[in-house]
Protein backbone atom coordinates (compact mmCIF):
# COMPACT_ATOMS: atom_id res chain seq x y z
CA UNK A 1 -19.50 -16.25 10.75
CA UNK A 2 -18.40 -13.43 13.04
CA UNK A 3 -15.93 -10.76 11.90
CA UNK A 4 -13.25 -12.45 13.96
CA UNK A 5 -14.01 -15.88 12.49
CA UNK A 6 -13.82 -14.47 8.96
CA UNK A 7 -10.53 -12.78 9.82
CA UNK A 8 -9.10 -16.03 11.18
CA UNK A 9 -10.27 -17.96 8.11
CA UNK A 10 -8.52 -15.57 5.71
CA UNK A 11 -5.12 -16.70 4.48
CA UNK A 12 -2.86 -13.66 4.76
CA UNK A 13 -0.17 -12.91 2.19
CA UNK A 14 3.31 -12.00 3.30
CA UNK A 15 3.37 -8.20 3.46
CA UNK A 16 6.12 -8.09 0.81
CA UNK A 17 3.69 -9.59 -1.72
CA UNK A 18 1.08 -7.01 -0.81
CA UNK A 19 3.64 -4.22 -1.21
CA UNK A 20 4.71 -5.63 -4.59
CA UNK A 21 1.19 -5.06 -5.95
CA UNK A 22 1.79 -1.36 -5.24
CA UNK A 23 5.19 -1.39 -6.95
CA UNK A 24 7.03 -1.25 -3.62
CA UNK A 25 10.04 -3.51 -3.10
CA UNK A 26 10.77 -5.49 0.06
CA UNK A 27 13.92 -3.47 0.71
CA UNK A 28 11.75 -0.40 1.34
CA UNK A 29 9.65 -2.07 4.03
CA UNK A 30 10.19 -1.76 7.75
CA UNK A 31 8.56 -4.99 8.87
CA UNK A 32 6.47 -5.50 11.97
CA UNK A 33 6.26 -9.26 11.54
CA UNK A 34 4.94 -11.09 8.48
CA UNK A 35 1.80 -9.09 7.83
CA UNK A 36 2.47 -5.46 8.82
CA UNK A 37 5.08 -2.97 7.61
CA UNK A 38 5.81 0.72 7.83
CA UNK A 39 6.42 2.65 4.61
CA UNK A 40 9.09 5.37 4.41
CA UNK A 41 7.87 8.83 3.45
CA UNK A 42 10.32 8.82 0.54
CA UNK A 43 7.87 6.52 -1.29
CA UNK A 44 5.35 9.37 -1.66
CA UNK A 45 5.35 10.50 -5.31
CA UNK A 46 3.89 14.00 -5.62
CA UNK A 47 3.49 13.70 -9.40
CA UNK A 48 1.41 10.55 -8.97
CA UNK A 49 -0.63 12.27 -6.26
CA UNK A 50 -1.59 14.96 -8.75
CA UNK A 51 -2.72 12.59 -11.49
CA UNK A 52 -4.44 9.74 -9.62
CA UNK A 53 -7.99 9.72 -8.28
CA UNK A 54 -9.04 10.42 -4.68
CA UNK A 55 -12.42 9.23 -3.38
CA UNK A 56 -13.79 10.35 -0.02
CA UNK A 57 -16.28 8.12 1.84
CA UNK A 58 -18.58 9.79 4.36
CA UNK A 59 -22.06 9.06 5.74
CA UNK A 60 -25.43 10.27 6.93
CA UNK A 61 -25.63 11.34 10.58
CA UNK A 62 -24.38 8.54 12.80
CA UNK A 63 -26.73 6.38 14.84
CA UNK A 64 -26.09 3.87 17.59
CA UNK A 65 -27.14 1.19 15.09
CA UNK A 66 -24.02 1.92 13.03
CA UNK A 67 -23.67 3.01 9.40
CA UNK A 68 -20.69 0.96 8.16
CA UNK A 69 -18.57 3.66 6.55
CA UNK A 70 -15.32 1.74 7.04
CA UNK A 71 -16.86 -1.45 5.64
CA UNK A 72 -17.97 0.50 2.54
CA UNK A 73 -14.53 2.10 2.14
CA UNK A 74 -12.82 -1.28 2.24
CA UNK A 75 -15.53 -2.82 0.08
CA UNK A 76 -15.08 -0.12 -2.56
CA UNK A 77 -11.36 -0.87 -2.75
CA UNK A 78 -12.17 -4.57 -3.17
CA UNK A 79 -14.73 -3.86 -5.87
CA UNK A 80 -12.38 -1.56 -7.79
CA UNK A 81 -9.63 -4.16 -7.74
CA UNK A 82 -12.18 -6.78 -8.81
CA UNK A 83 -12.99 -4.82 -11.99
CA UNK A 84 -9.32 -4.34 -12.82
CA UNK A 85 -8.69 -0.89 -11.31
CA UNK A 86 -5.71 -0.58 -8.99
CA UNK A 87 -7.08 0.71 -5.69
CA UNK A 88 -5.70 1.25 -2.19
CA UNK A 89 -7.77 2.18 0.84
CA UNK A 90 -6.40 4.57 3.49
CA UNK A 91 -8.02 4.46 6.93
CA UNK A 92 -7.57 5.70 10.47
CA UNK A 93 -6.15 3.51 13.22
CA UNK A 94 -8.64 2.32 15.84
CA UNK A 95 -8.45 3.79 19.33
CA UNK A 96 -8.43 1.51 22.37
CA UNK A 97 -11.14 3.71 23.90
CA UNK A 98 -13.99 2.62 21.58
CA UNK A 99 -12.54 -0.90 21.22
CA UNK A 100 -12.99 -1.58 24.93
CA UNK A 101 -15.93 0.81 25.25
CA UNK A 102 -18.78 0.85 22.73
CA UNK A 103 -17.58 -0.68 19.45
CA UNK A 104 -15.23 -3.58 20.12
CA UNK A 105 -13.18 -2.81 17.00
CA UNK A 106 -12.91 -0.58 13.95
CA UNK A 107 -11.33 -2.58 11.14
CA UNK A 108 -14.37 -3.00 8.89
CA UNK A 109 -16.71 -5.96 9.00
CA UNK A 110 -17.63 -9.29 7.46
CA UNK A 111 -15.76 -9.95 4.22
CA UNK A 112 -14.63 -6.31 3.99
CA UNK A 113 -11.99 -5.99 6.71
CA UNK A 114 -8.40 -4.88 7.08
CA UNK A 115 -6.16 -7.55 8.59
CA UNK A 116 -4.70 -8.72 10.93
CA UNK A 117 -7.67 -7.19 12.70
CA UNK A 118 -6.64 -8.09 16.27
CA UNK A 119 -3.30 -6.32 15.94
CA UNK A 120 -4.79 -3.34 14.12
CA UNK A 121 -7.46 -2.94 16.81
CA UNK A 122 -5.06 -3.33 19.71
CA UNK A 123 -1.45 -2.11 19.96
CA UNK A 124 -0.72 -2.26 16.19
CA UNK A 125 2.67 -0.58 15.53
CA UNK A 126 2.60 1.63 18.62
CA UNK A 127 1.66 4.90 16.89
CA UNK A 128 -1.00 5.79 19.47
CA UNK A 129 1.38 4.93 22.29
CA UNK A 130 4.02 7.20 20.75
CA UNK A 131 1.56 10.10 20.61
CA UNK A 132 0.43 9.42 24.18
CA UNK A 133 4.03 9.30 25.42
CA UNK A 134 5.08 12.42 23.50
CA UNK A 135 2.05 14.39 24.72
CA UNK A 136 2.60 13.40 28.35
CA UNK A 137 6.34 14.06 28.05
CA UNK A 138 5.49 17.66 27.22
CA UNK A 139 3.14 17.80 30.23
CA UNK A 140 5.85 16.44 32.55
CA UNK A 141 8.51 18.76 31.18
CA UNK A 142 6.19 21.76 31.48
CA UNK A 143 5.37 20.94 35.11
CA UNK A 144 9.06 20.49 35.81
CA UNK A 145 9.93 23.80 34.15
CA UNK A 146 7.39 25.64 36.30
CA UNK A 147 8.66 23.86 39.42
CA UNK A 148 12.34 24.51 38.69
CA UNK A 149 11.87 28.19 37.76
CA UNK A 150 9.27 29.30 40.31
CA UNK A 151 11.96 30.81 42.53
CA UNK A 152 12.91 33.06 39.61
CA UNK A 153 9.37 34.36 39.43
CA UNK A 154 8.28 32.28 36.46
CA UNK A 155 4.72 31.03 36.34
CA UNK A 156 1.80 30.60 34.00
CA UNK A 157 -1.41 32.50 34.54
CA UNK A 158 -3.18 29.82 32.53
CA UNK A 159 -1.99 26.34 31.59
CA UNK A 160 -3.64 24.90 28.46
CA UNK A 161 -1.75 21.62 28.04
CA UNK A 162 -3.54 18.67 29.61
CA UNK A 163 -2.60 14.99 29.58
CA UNK A 164 -3.93 12.20 27.37
CA UNK A 165 -4.68 8.50 27.64
CA UNK A 166 -6.08 6.14 24.99
CA UNK A 167 -8.73 4.74 27.32
CA UNK A 168 -12.21 6.06 28.06
CA UNK A 169 -12.04 7.29 31.67
CA UNK A 170 -14.52 9.90 32.89
CA UNK A 171 -12.82 10.04 36.30
CA UNK A 172 -9.75 11.65 34.73
CA UNK A 173 -11.56 14.51 32.99
CA UNK A 174 -10.61 16.87 35.79
CA UNK A 175 -7.77 16.17 38.24
CA UNK A 176 -5.40 17.99 40.58
CA UNK A 177 -1.67 17.35 40.24
CA UNK A 178 1.23 18.08 42.55
CA UNK A 179 -0.52 17.20 45.81
CA UNK A 180 1.63 16.27 48.80
CA UNK A 181 5.01 17.63 49.84
CA UNK A 182 6.59 20.56 47.97
CA UNK A 183 8.97 18.21 46.16
CA UNK A 184 5.94 16.70 44.38
CA UNK A 185 5.72 19.82 42.23
CA UNK A 186 3.37 22.76 42.02
CA UNK A 187 -0.24 21.99 42.86
CA UNK A 188 -2.41 22.67 39.84
CA UNK A 189 -5.70 21.72 38.25
CA UNK A 190 -5.36 19.61 35.13
CA UNK A 191 -7.17 16.79 33.35
CA UNK A 192 -7.02 14.14 30.65
CA UNK A 193 -8.30 13.99 27.09
CA UNK A 194 -8.38 10.79 25.03
CA UNK A 195 -5.33 10.36 22.78
CA UNK A 196 -7.26 10.93 19.50
CA UNK A 197 -8.02 14.45 20.81
CA UNK A 198 -4.34 15.26 21.36
CA UNK A 199 -3.03 18.16 19.33
CA UNK A 200 -0.05 15.94 18.53
CA UNK A 201 -2.44 13.49 16.83
CA UNK A 202 -3.75 16.29 14.62
CA UNK A 203 -0.19 17.46 13.93
CA UNK A 204 0.89 13.95 12.93
CA UNK A 205 -2.08 13.69 10.56
CA UNK A 206 -1.66 17.14 8.98
CA UNK A 207 2.14 17.41 8.73
CA UNK A 208 3.62 17.43 5.23
CA UNK A 209 7.11 16.14 6.16
CA UNK A 210 9.48 15.74 9.11
CA UNK A 211 10.51 19.40 9.06
CA UNK A 212 6.88 20.47 9.08
CA UNK A 213 6.24 18.15 12.03
CA UNK A 214 8.98 19.87 14.05
CA UNK A 215 7.75 23.33 13.03
CA UNK A 216 4.23 22.49 14.14
CA UNK A 217 5.35 20.92 17.44
CA UNK A 218 7.34 24.07 18.27
CA UNK A 219 4.24 26.23 17.70
CA UNK A 220 2.08 24.38 20.23
CA UNK A 221 0.86 26.85 22.87
CA UNK A 222 1.15 25.34 26.36
CA UNK A 223 -0.18 28.29 28.33
CA UNK A 224 -0.01 32.03 28.92
CA UNK A 225 2.32 33.96 31.19
CA UNK A 226 1.11 36.62 33.62
CA UNK A 227 1.83 39.29 31.00
CA UNK A 228 -0.36 37.40 28.49
CA UNK A 229 2.43 36.06 26.28
CA UNK A 230 1.99 32.55 24.87
CA UNK A 231 4.43 29.97 26.21
CA UNK A 232 5.17 27.35 23.55
CA UNK A 233 7.00 24.05 23.12
CA UNK A 234 9.75 26.07 21.41
CA UNK A 235 10.06 28.19 24.57
CA UNK A 236 10.27 24.99 26.60
CA UNK A 237 13.07 23.83 24.30
CA UNK A 238 11.95 20.22 23.95
CA UNK A 239 10.69 19.92 20.36
CA UNK A 240 13.61 17.64 19.53
CA UNK A 241 12.64 15.15 22.23
CA UNK A 242 9.05 15.14 21.03
CA UNK A 243 10.11 14.50 17.43
CA UNK A 244 12.34 11.64 18.59
CA UNK A 245 9.31 9.91 20.12
CA UNK A 246 7.19 10.52 17.01
CA UNK A 247 9.70 9.76 14.25
CA UNK A 248 8.62 6.12 13.71
CA UNK A 249 4.95 7.00 14.09
CA UNK A 250 5.26 9.33 11.09
CA UNK A 251 5.52 6.40 8.70
CA UNK A 252 2.20 4.99 7.41
CA UNK A 253 1.34 1.36 8.15
CA UNK A 254 0.75 -1.13 5.34
CA UNK A 255 -1.63 -4.05 5.94
CA UNK A 256 -4.05 -5.98 3.71
CA UNK A 257 -7.74 -6.59 3.19
CA UNK A 258 -9.67 -9.85 3.39
CA UNK A 259 -8.83 -10.25 -0.32
CA UNK A 260 -5.12 -9.49 0.18
CA UNK A 261 -5.26 -6.08 -1.50
CA UNK A 262 -3.23 -3.20 0.02
CA UNK A 263 -4.57 -1.04 2.83
CA UNK A 264 -2.81 1.81 4.61
CA UNK A 265 -3.89 2.47 8.19
CA UNK A 266 -2.40 5.52 9.91
CA UNK A 267 -3.43 8.19 12.43
CA UNK A 268 -6.69 8.33 14.31
CA UNK A 269 -8.32 11.64 15.33
CA UNK A 270 -12.03 11.37 16.12
CA UNK A 271 -14.33 13.57 14.01
CA UNK A 272 -16.60 14.58 16.90
CA UNK A 273 -13.73 16.05 18.96
CA UNK A 274 -10.98 16.53 16.35
CA UNK A 275 -10.71 16.62 12.54
CA UNK A 276 -11.51 12.96 11.87
CA UNK A 277 -9.20 12.04 8.98
CA UNK A 278 -6.31 9.61 8.59
CA UNK A 279 -2.88 11.12 8.02
CA UNK A 280 -2.02 13.19 4.96
CA UNK A 281 0.98 10.87 4.62
CA UNK A 282 -1.31 7.83 4.33
CA UNK A 283 -3.61 9.43 1.76
CA UNK A 284 -0.69 10.59 -0.37
CA UNK A 285 0.98 7.18 -0.07
CA UNK A 286 -2.20 5.51 -1.31
CA UNK A 287 -2.48 7.99 -4.17
CA UNK A 288 1.18 7.46 -5.07
CA UNK A 289 0.72 3.74 -5.64
CA UNK A 290 -2.77 3.30 -7.07
CA UNK A 291 -5.14 4.61 -9.69
CA UNK A 292 -7.86 5.10 -7.08
CA UNK A 293 -7.23 5.97 -3.43
CA UNK A 294 -10.20 5.63 -1.08
CA UNK A 295 -10.19 7.40 2.26
CA UNK A 296 -12.91 8.01 4.84
CA UNK A 297 -13.75 10.89 7.12
CA UNK A 298 -15.25 10.10 10.50
CA UNK A 299 -18.92 10.09 11.50
CA UNK A 300 -21.43 12.01 9.36
CA UNK A 301 -20.63 14.37 6.51
CA UNK A 302 -21.39 17.38 8.74
CA UNK A 303 -18.32 16.47 10.80
CA UNK A 304 -15.81 14.35 8.91
CA UNK A 305 -16.36 15.48 5.32
CA UNK A 306 -16.61 19.19 6.20
CA UNK A 307 -13.32 19.01 8.10
CA UNK A 308 -11.68 16.95 5.34
CA UNK A 309 -12.46 19.73 2.86
CA UNK A 310 -12.10 22.81 5.06
CA UNK A 311 -9.01 21.74 7.02
CA UNK A 312 -7.05 18.96 5.27
CA UNK A 313 -7.80 19.87 1.65
CA UNK A 314 -7.51 23.60 2.28
CA UNK A 315 -3.98 23.16 3.62
CA UNK A 316 -2.76 20.26 1.45
CA UNK A 317 -4.20 21.10 -1.95
CA UNK A 318 -5.87 17.68 -2.26
CA UNK A 319 -9.34 17.53 -3.79
CA UNK A 320 -11.54 14.43 -4.09
CA UNK A 321 -12.80 13.51 -7.54
CA UNK A 322 -15.90 12.09 -5.88
CA UNK A 323 -17.55 11.78 -2.48
CA UNK A 324 -19.47 8.64 -1.55
CA UNK A 325 -22.12 9.07 1.15
CA UNK A 326 -23.18 5.91 2.97
CA UNK A 327 -26.75 5.38 4.13
CA UNK A 328 -28.51 2.47 5.80
CA UNK A 329 -32.19 1.65 6.06
CA UNK A 330 -31.88 1.34 9.83
CA UNK A 331 -30.13 4.69 10.15
CA UNK A 332 -32.67 6.46 7.97
CA UNK A 333 -35.55 4.93 9.91
CA UNK A 334 -34.04 6.11 13.18
CA UNK A 335 -33.76 9.62 11.72
CA UNK A 336 -37.38 9.23 10.65
CA UNK A 337 -38.49 8.81 14.24
CA UNK A 338 -38.57 5.01 14.47
CA UNK A 339 -37.55 3.72 17.90
CA UNK A 340 -34.12 2.11 18.14
CA UNK A 341 -35.58 -1.26 19.13
CA UNK A 342 -37.79 -1.30 16.00
CA UNK A 343 -35.47 -0.09 13.24
CA UNK A 344 -34.81 -3.65 11.99
CA UNK A 345 -38.50 -4.03 11.17
CA UNK A 346 -39.79 -2.99 7.70
CA UNK A 347 -41.11 0.58 7.85
CA UNK A 348 -41.21 2.42 4.53
CA UNK A 349 -42.87 5.50 6.02
CA UNK A 350 -40.22 5.77 8.71
CA UNK A 351 -37.50 5.43 6.10
CA UNK A 352 -39.19 8.04 3.89
CA UNK A 353 -39.28 10.52 6.78
CA UNK A 354 -35.60 9.89 7.44
CA UNK A 355 -34.61 10.82 3.88
CA UNK A 356 -34.50 14.47 4.93
CA UNK A 357 -31.26 13.72 6.78
CA UNK A 358 -29.68 12.24 3.65
CA UNK A 359 -30.97 15.10 1.51
CA UNK A 360 -29.29 17.76 3.62
CA UNK A 361 -25.98 15.91 3.63
CA UNK A 362 -26.10 15.54 -0.15
CA UNK A 363 -26.87 19.26 -0.62
CA UNK A 364 -24.04 20.14 1.75
CA UNK A 365 -21.56 17.98 -0.15
CA UNK A 366 -22.67 19.49 -3.44
CA UNK A 367 -22.16 22.98 -1.99
CA UNK A 368 -18.44 22.13 -1.80
CA UNK A 369 -18.51 21.32 -5.54
CA UNK A 370 -18.51 17.57 -5.01
CA UNK A 371 -20.04 14.96 -7.26
CA UNK A 372 -21.88 12.55 -4.98
CA UNK A 373 -22.76 8.86 -5.12
CA UNK A 374 -25.16 7.45 -2.52
CA UNK A 375 -24.28 3.94 -1.37
CA UNK A 376 -26.86 1.81 0.43
CA UNK A 377 -24.94 -0.35 2.90
CA UNK A 378 -26.95 -3.55 2.97
CA UNK A 379 -27.86 -5.24 6.26
CA UNK A 380 -29.40 -8.72 6.45
CA UNK A 381 -32.75 -7.36 7.66
CA UNK A 382 -33.17 -4.86 4.81
CA UNK A 383 -35.95 -5.41 2.27
CA UNK A 384 -36.08 -4.99 -1.49
CA UNK A 385 -38.80 -2.36 -1.04
CA UNK A 386 -36.52 -0.27 1.18
CA UNK A 387 -33.70 -0.47 -1.38
CA UNK A 388 -36.06 0.43 -4.19
CA UNK A 389 -37.43 3.44 -2.30
CA UNK A 390 -33.96 4.80 -1.63
CA UNK A 391 -32.81 4.16 -5.20
CA UNK A 392 -35.83 5.98 -6.63
CA UNK A 393 -35.36 8.91 -4.25
CA UNK A 394 -31.66 9.29 -5.13
CA UNK A 395 -32.01 8.95 -8.87
CA UNK A 396 -35.30 10.82 -9.40
CA UNK A 397 -35.50 13.36 -6.55
CA UNK A 398 -31.84 14.07 -5.78
CA UNK A 399 -30.51 13.30 -9.25
CA UNK A 400 -27.44 11.47 -7.92
CA UNK A 401 -26.14 7.97 -8.74
CA UNK A 402 -27.03 5.13 -6.38
CA UNK A 403 -25.43 1.76 -5.65
CA UNK A 404 -25.83 -1.07 -3.16
CA UNK A 405 -22.85 -2.32 -1.15
CA UNK A 406 -22.96 -6.07 -0.45
CA UNK A 407 -19.27 -6.38 0.45
CA UNK A 408 -19.98 -7.31 4.07
CA UNK A 409 -21.53 -10.62 2.95
CA UNK A 410 -19.92 -11.12 -0.45
CA UNK A 411 -16.55 -9.32 -0.39
CA UNK A 412 -15.32 -7.77 -3.64
CA UNK A 413 -17.98 -9.48 -5.76
CA UNK A 414 -20.63 -7.70 -3.71
CA UNK A 415 -18.99 -4.33 -4.38
CA UNK A 416 -18.67 -4.57 -8.16
CA UNK A 417 -21.86 -2.56 -8.81
CA UNK A 418 -20.67 0.16 -6.45
CA UNK A 419 -17.20 0.23 -8.03
CA UNK A 420 -18.60 0.56 -11.55
CA UNK A 421 -20.94 3.40 -10.53
CA UNK A 422 -18.03 5.22 -8.87
CA UNK A 423 -15.71 4.84 -11.88
CA UNK A 424 -18.45 5.87 -14.30
CA UNK A 425 -19.27 8.98 -12.25
CA UNK A 426 -15.62 10.04 -11.97
CA UNK A 427 -15.10 9.59 -15.72
CA UNK A 428 -18.28 11.38 -16.78
CA UNK A 429 -18.92 13.89 -14.00
CA UNK A 430 -15.94 14.43 -11.67
CA UNK A 431 -16.14 16.95 -8.85
CA UNK A 432 -15.61 20.63 -9.54
CA UNK A 433 -12.77 22.52 -7.80
CA UNK A 434 -13.44 22.67 -4.07
CA UNK A 435 -15.50 25.52 -2.70
CA UNK A 436 -14.87 25.94 1.02
CA UNK A 437 -17.51 26.73 3.64
CA UNK A 438 -15.72 29.93 4.65
CA UNK A 439 -12.75 32.12 3.71
CA UNK A 440 -9.46 32.30 5.57
CA UNK A 441 -10.09 36.03 6.02
CA UNK A 442 -13.40 35.49 7.85
CA UNK A 443 -13.33 36.06 11.60
CA UNK A 444 -13.33 32.99 13.85
CA UNK A 445 -16.91 33.74 14.92
CA UNK A 446 -18.00 34.09 11.27
CA UNK A 447 -16.39 30.78 10.31
CA UNK A 448 -18.27 29.02 13.11
CA UNK A 449 -21.49 30.78 12.08
CA UNK A 450 -21.16 29.78 8.42
CA UNK A 451 -20.63 26.11 9.28
CA UNK A 452 -23.40 26.03 11.89
CA UNK A 453 -26.00 27.96 9.90
CA UNK A 454 -25.21 26.95 6.31
CA UNK A 455 -24.37 23.27 6.91
CA UNK A 456 -25.93 22.25 10.22
CA UNK A 457 -29.16 24.23 9.79
CA UNK A 458 -28.80 26.45 12.88
CA UNK A 459 -30.73 29.72 13.03
CA UNK A 460 -28.18 31.39 15.30
CA UNK A 461 -24.91 30.84 17.13
CA UNK A 462 -24.30 31.75 20.76
CA UNK A 463 -20.72 32.13 21.95
CA UNK A 464 -20.45 31.60 25.70
CA UNK A 465 -18.24 34.02 27.64
CA UNK A 466 -15.19 31.66 27.71
CA UNK A 467 -15.45 31.23 23.94
CA UNK A 468 -15.68 34.98 23.37
CA UNK A 469 -12.62 35.63 25.52
CA UNK A 470 -10.60 32.96 23.73
CA UNK A 471 -11.58 34.22 20.29
CA UNK A 472 -10.38 37.72 21.23
CA UNK A 473 -7.11 36.17 22.38
CA UNK A 474 -6.78 34.19 19.15
CA UNK A 475 -7.28 37.24 16.99
CA UNK A 476 -4.85 39.29 19.10
CA UNK A 477 -2.24 36.59 18.46
CA UNK A 478 -2.80 36.84 14.71
CA UNK A 479 -4.26 33.33 14.48
CA UNK A 480 -7.73 34.30 13.28
CA UNK A 481 -6.94 33.07 9.76
CA UNK A 482 -6.82 29.43 10.88
CA UNK A 483 -9.67 27.03 9.94
CA UNK A 484 -12.18 25.99 12.58
CA UNK A 485 -12.71 22.43 13.81
CA UNK A 486 -16.08 22.14 15.52
CA UNK A 487 -16.34 19.52 18.25
CA UNK A 488 -19.94 18.40 18.70
CA UNK A 489 -22.10 15.33 19.01
CA UNK A 490 -22.00 12.93 16.06
CA UNK A 491 -25.67 11.98 16.50
CA UNK A 492 -27.26 15.22 15.31
CA UNK A 493 -26.76 18.20 13.02
CA UNK A 494 -27.26 20.22 16.20
CA UNK A 495 -25.26 20.10 19.43
CA UNK A 496 -28.06 18.09 21.07
CA UNK A 497 -27.48 14.34 20.63
CA UNK A 498 -31.22 13.61 20.89
CA UNK A 499 -32.24 15.80 17.94
CA UNK A 500 -32.28 13.30 15.08
CA UNK A 501 -33.27 13.75 11.46
CA UNK A 502 -32.75 17.08 9.71
CA UNK A 503 -33.30 19.36 12.68
CA UNK A 504 -33.12 23.08 11.88
CA UNK A 505 -33.83 26.50 13.35
CA UNK A 506 -31.92 25.82 16.58
CA UNK A 507 -29.43 27.97 18.46
CA UNK A 508 -25.92 26.51 18.30
CA UNK A 509 -24.08 27.03 21.60
CA UNK A 510 -20.28 27.17 21.56
CA UNK A 511 -19.19 26.98 25.17
CA UNK A 512 -15.41 27.16 24.70
CA UNK A 513 -12.64 27.40 22.13
CA UNK A 514 -9.25 25.65 22.11
CA UNK A 515 -6.17 27.01 20.35
CA UNK A 516 -4.31 24.38 18.32
CA UNK A 517 -1.57 26.63 16.97
CA UNK A 518 0.62 23.68 16.06
CA UNK A 519 -2.12 21.78 14.26
CA UNK A 520 -3.07 25.16 12.79
CA UNK A 521 -6.76 25.03 13.57
CA UNK A 522 -9.19 26.45 16.11
CA UNK A 523 -11.32 23.88 17.96
CA UNK A 524 -14.78 25.12 18.93
CA UNK A 525 -16.41 23.06 21.71
CA UNK A 526 -20.17 22.93 21.15
CA UNK A 527 -22.88 21.72 23.50
CA UNK A 528 -22.00 18.98 25.97
CA UNK A 529 -19.32 17.23 23.90
CA UNK A 530 -16.37 15.96 25.97
CA UNK A 531 -12.81 15.33 24.82
CA UNK A 532 -12.51 12.39 27.24
CA UNK A 533 -15.37 9.90 26.71
CA UNK A 534 -16.76 7.73 29.48
CA UNK A 535 -17.47 4.01 29.44
CA UNK A 536 -21.01 2.59 29.03
CA UNK A 537 -22.68 0.50 31.71
CA UNK A 538 -21.74 -2.69 29.86
CA UNK A 539 -18.43 -1.90 28.10
CA UNK A 540 -17.11 -4.16 25.38
CA UNK A 541 -14.19 -4.92 27.70
CA UNK A 542 -16.58 -7.25 29.53
CA UNK A 543 -16.70 -9.46 26.44
CA UNK A 544 -13.10 -9.38 25.17
CA UNK A 545 -10.95 -12.30 26.31
CA UNK A 546 -8.00 -14.51 25.41
CA UNK A 547 -9.10 -18.16 25.20
CA UNK A 548 -7.05 -21.12 23.98
CA UNK A 549 -4.51 -18.84 22.34
CA UNK A 550 -7.08 -16.70 20.50
CA UNK A 551 -8.62 -13.28 21.16
CA UNK A 552 -12.42 -13.24 21.31
CA UNK A 553 -14.91 -10.38 21.63
CA UNK A 554 -13.44 -8.05 19.01
CA UNK A 555 -15.75 -7.14 16.14
C-alpha cells in the first residue's frame, strides 16, 4: 500500500477524543473540521515542561535516497504509547515548495504518519499563508513608505527586506520592482525567498508568547538609511498589523497519527537555510501534556541538531534528555561511495566505509553532552547482515545503544524495541547539561569558525568581502552576541553538496551574512546555498492530481 492508501484506510478519531488523551477538553479546542484543531497557548504548563522528558530526533547527513527522520519520530511516539508511556510527537509543517517539487509530502510514511496527510501537506490551517501574507505586507508597506516620503528626502541606502512565496521558483530569486510610470513606486532591485526562510517564520517558531512575538517583529531590520542607521518595523509603525495577521498562526495545530495518538504540527523553517525546528510553542505544548515529547530537527545533525541546541535551547532553556540519530543502510552506502543507482544492492564494504559519517555525527552530539541512541530505519531492501554490522559498530565501537525502527511497515508494534531502548537509556543514562558549540561572548566570526571547524571538520573559514562588511555592521550595532545560523547544503558536512561521507580539511566559504535581529540570530550563507529553491526537471507537481474526489500523488 502507498502512504496515501494507508492514510485513507485509517479510521480517524474525532479530534476531541485525541485531545482528551492529553487531558485537554473540547471547550479548549479551536476546530478546523473534525480532525484538526488549534490549541490555545494558555494550555502550556511550564511546570510540566520542566519535569517531563524531551527527545530530539536527528539524522546522519541527508541523501537523495531519504533517511526517514519524520517516520522515526512518529514511530517512536507510537512505540512509546504502545508500551504504556504517554507520548506526543511535535513536528514541523510541510512546505508547498518540496511537496510540489522534490518530495511530494512530509507527513511521515507507511504506518507511521500524521493525519489527515493531504490537509497537513497542503493548506492545513493557513499558518504558512499567514506568514507569507505578513511578510509581504511589510514589503508593500516599506515600498509605500519610501514612495510617500521620498519628497521629504527619505530613502534607504540598502534595503534588506525581500518578499517570500511558498513555492519553489528560481525565476523570482532576483527581480526589479516599481517599473513603469512614477505612480508604480520607486524602481528597486528585490527578490523572493521561500516562506520557510522568512524571518517571520523563525520569529513565530522562537517566540515565547504574544508579547515576545510583537517585540521581535518590531526589531526586524528592513534596511539602512544613508547615515547608516537601521530602519526597523517599529520605525515603520506596522508591528500591530503584522501581529494581527499572525495571531491565529501562533497557536499549535493538533492532529493524530495512524494509530490515533496525538501529534502537534506547527511552524516550518528549513534547516539548510534557517534553523530547522518546529515552534517552541509546539514543543512546550507536547511536553505539557505527555511524559515523553518527541521532536525532530531538520536534515542531518550538523544542521538541525546543532541549531536546536545552539539557538532554540540556548534561548528557551529546554534540554533534551536524549538525542536519537537516524541512519539507513542506503544512506550509509551512499556516504561510503556507492553510486546512487546501486545503494539498494547489498554492499557491506560500502556501508562500512560510510560509517565514518555516522561516527562524526555521534561524536558531535556527544560534544553537546547528549546521550545518543542510533536507530536503524529499516527499508524493504535492507539485509540482516547490514543490520548486524551497524548494530555491532554502534554497541562495540561507538559504545552507544542501537535499535531498529520497523514502524513504516508495522506501526507501533514495529517501534516497541526502539521505544524500550529509548526509555531505558533516559532512565539509566540521561543527557548531561547542554554544552554549546560557542559562547555568546565569542565574535560572530569565531562562532562560525567553531561550528565549521569543530563540527563540520573544516580546516579553515574564509569570509567573503560582503560577509566581512556585514559582520562589522552587526558588531557595531551591538548584535554580535546573537547565535549563528549557518545556511549550507544538507548533503555534506562541507558547503559542497558533492562531498559525501566524513569530508574534512576543507576551506569553508561564507559568502554573505544576513541580520535577523527579530529572530535574534545571525544567518551565515555558505557556499552556493540559495534561500529560494528551484524546481527539478520532473517536479512532483507533474504527478499530483485530483481524481474521482481523491488527491493522488502525495507521499
